[in-house]
Amino acid sequence: MGKHKKVMEKILRGTSDANIGFDDIRGMLLYLGFDERIRGSHHVYRKEGIEEKINMQRAGSKAKPYQVRQVRDVLLKYHLAGE
């Protein structure tokens, strides 16, 4: 199983939102075709056909838990998990 799939499964499981690496979630979003714009500490992700924009900031080397929940909501709403 690829790294991006493992990160996606971890996000969808929802049991460790505070332990997902920022670089892991960033790589997964780029793999899924999101465009990234960086403004200071904010990383903003957009994708055509996706209404929401995902705004993320680092919390050390991890992603912030509430932002992981936002990513999970987008993955589920737009069926980006492949199922």
Protein backbone atom coordinates (compact mmCIF):
# COMPACT_ATOMS: atom_id res chain seq x y z
CA MET A 1 0.00 0.00 0.00
CA GLY A 2 1.33 3.46 -0.92
CA LYS A 3 2.21 6.13 1.60
CA HIS A 4 -0.62 8.43 0.47
CA LYS A 5 -3.18 5.65 0.95
CA LYS A 6 -1.87 4.97 4.46
CA VAL A 7 -2.15 8.66 5.38
CA MET A 8 -5.66 8.78 3.91
CA GLU A 9 -6.72 5.72 5.92
CA LYS A 10 -5.31 7.26 9.10
CA ILE A 11 -7.26 10.47 8.45
CA LEU A 12 -10.49 8.64 7.64
CA ARG A 13 -10.18 6.42 10.73
CA GLY A 14 -10.27 9.57 12.86
CA THR A 15 -8.59 8.02 15.88
CA SER A 16 -5.35 10.03 15.81
CA ASP A 17 -6.07 13.50 14.42
CA ALA A 18 -3.33 15.01 16.60
CA ASN A 19 -0.67 12.60 15.26
CA ILE A 20 -0.78 13.20 11.52
CA GLY A 21 2.34 14.75 10.08
CA PHE A 22 1.91 18.04 8.24
CA ASP A 23 4.19 16.92 5.41
CA ASP A 24 2.23 13.65 5.10
CA ILE A 25 -1.12 15.39 4.74
CA ARG A 26 0.41 17.98 2.40
CA GLY A 27 1.83 15.25 0.16
CA MET A 28 -1.50 13.43 0.10
CA LEU A 29 -3.39 16.60 -0.92
CA LEU A 30 -0.90 17.30 -3.71
CA TYR A 31 -1.16 13.65 -4.84
CA LEU A 32 -4.96 14.05 -5.02
CA GLY A 33 -4.51 17.00 -7.40
CA PHE A 34 -4.96 19.96 -5.08
CA ASP A 35 -3.12 23.19 -5.93
CA GLU A 36 -1.10 24.71 -3.10
CA ARG A 37 -0.62 28.39 -2.37
CA ILE A 38 1.62 29.43 0.51
CA ARG A 39 1.15 32.79 2.22
CA GLY A 40 3.37 33.12 5.26
CA SER A 41 2.56 30.17 7.52
CA HIS A 42 -0.72 29.39 5.75
CA HIS A 43 -0.88 26.62 3.17
CA VAL A 44 -4.09 26.93 1.15
CA TYR A 45 -5.27 24.04 -1.03
CA ARG A 46 -7.83 24.33 -3.83
CA LYS A 47 -9.07 21.91 -6.44
CA GLU A 48 -11.43 22.41 -9.33
CA GLY A 49 -14.83 20.97 -8.52
CA ILE A 50 -14.27 21.29 -4.75
CA GLU A 51 -16.19 24.16 -3.19
CA GLU A 52 -14.20 24.37 0.02
CA LYS A 53 -10.65 25.57 0.31
CA ILE A 54 -8.42 23.85 2.82
CA ASN A 55 -6.31 26.20 4.94
CA MET A 56 -3.58 24.54 7.00
CA GLN A 57 -0.82 25.62 9.36
CA ARG A 58 1.92 23.61 11.01
CA ALA A 59 1.80 22.72 14.70
CA GLY A 60 5.45 21.74 14.94
CA SER A 61 5.81 18.81 12.56
CA LYS A 62 2.13 17.84 12.86
CA ALA A 63 -1.07 19.16 11.30
CA LYS A 64 -3.54 20.79 13.66
CA PRO A 65 -6.30 18.33 14.69
CA TYR A 66 -9.21 20.58 13.65
CA GLN A 67 -7.65 20.97 10.22
CA VAL A 68 -7.30 17.20 9.89
CA ARG A 69 -11.05 16.97 10.60
CA GLN A 70 -11.69 19.53 7.84
CA VAL A 71 -9.63 17.47 5.39
CA ARG A 72 -11.56 14.32 6.41
CA ASP A 73 -14.86 16.12 5.78
CA VAL A 74 -13.74 17.14 2.27
CA LEU A 75 -12.47 13.62 1.48
CA LEU A 76 -15.79 12.13 2.51
CA LYS A 77 -18.04 14.79 0.95
CA TYR A 78 -16.39 14.55 -2.48
CA HIS A 79 -15.63 10.80 -2.35
CA LEU A 80 -11.89 11.38 -2.82
CA ALA A 81 -10.98 8.27 -0.83
CA GLY A 82 -11.67 6.06 -3.83
CA GLU A 83 -14.84 4.41 -2.48
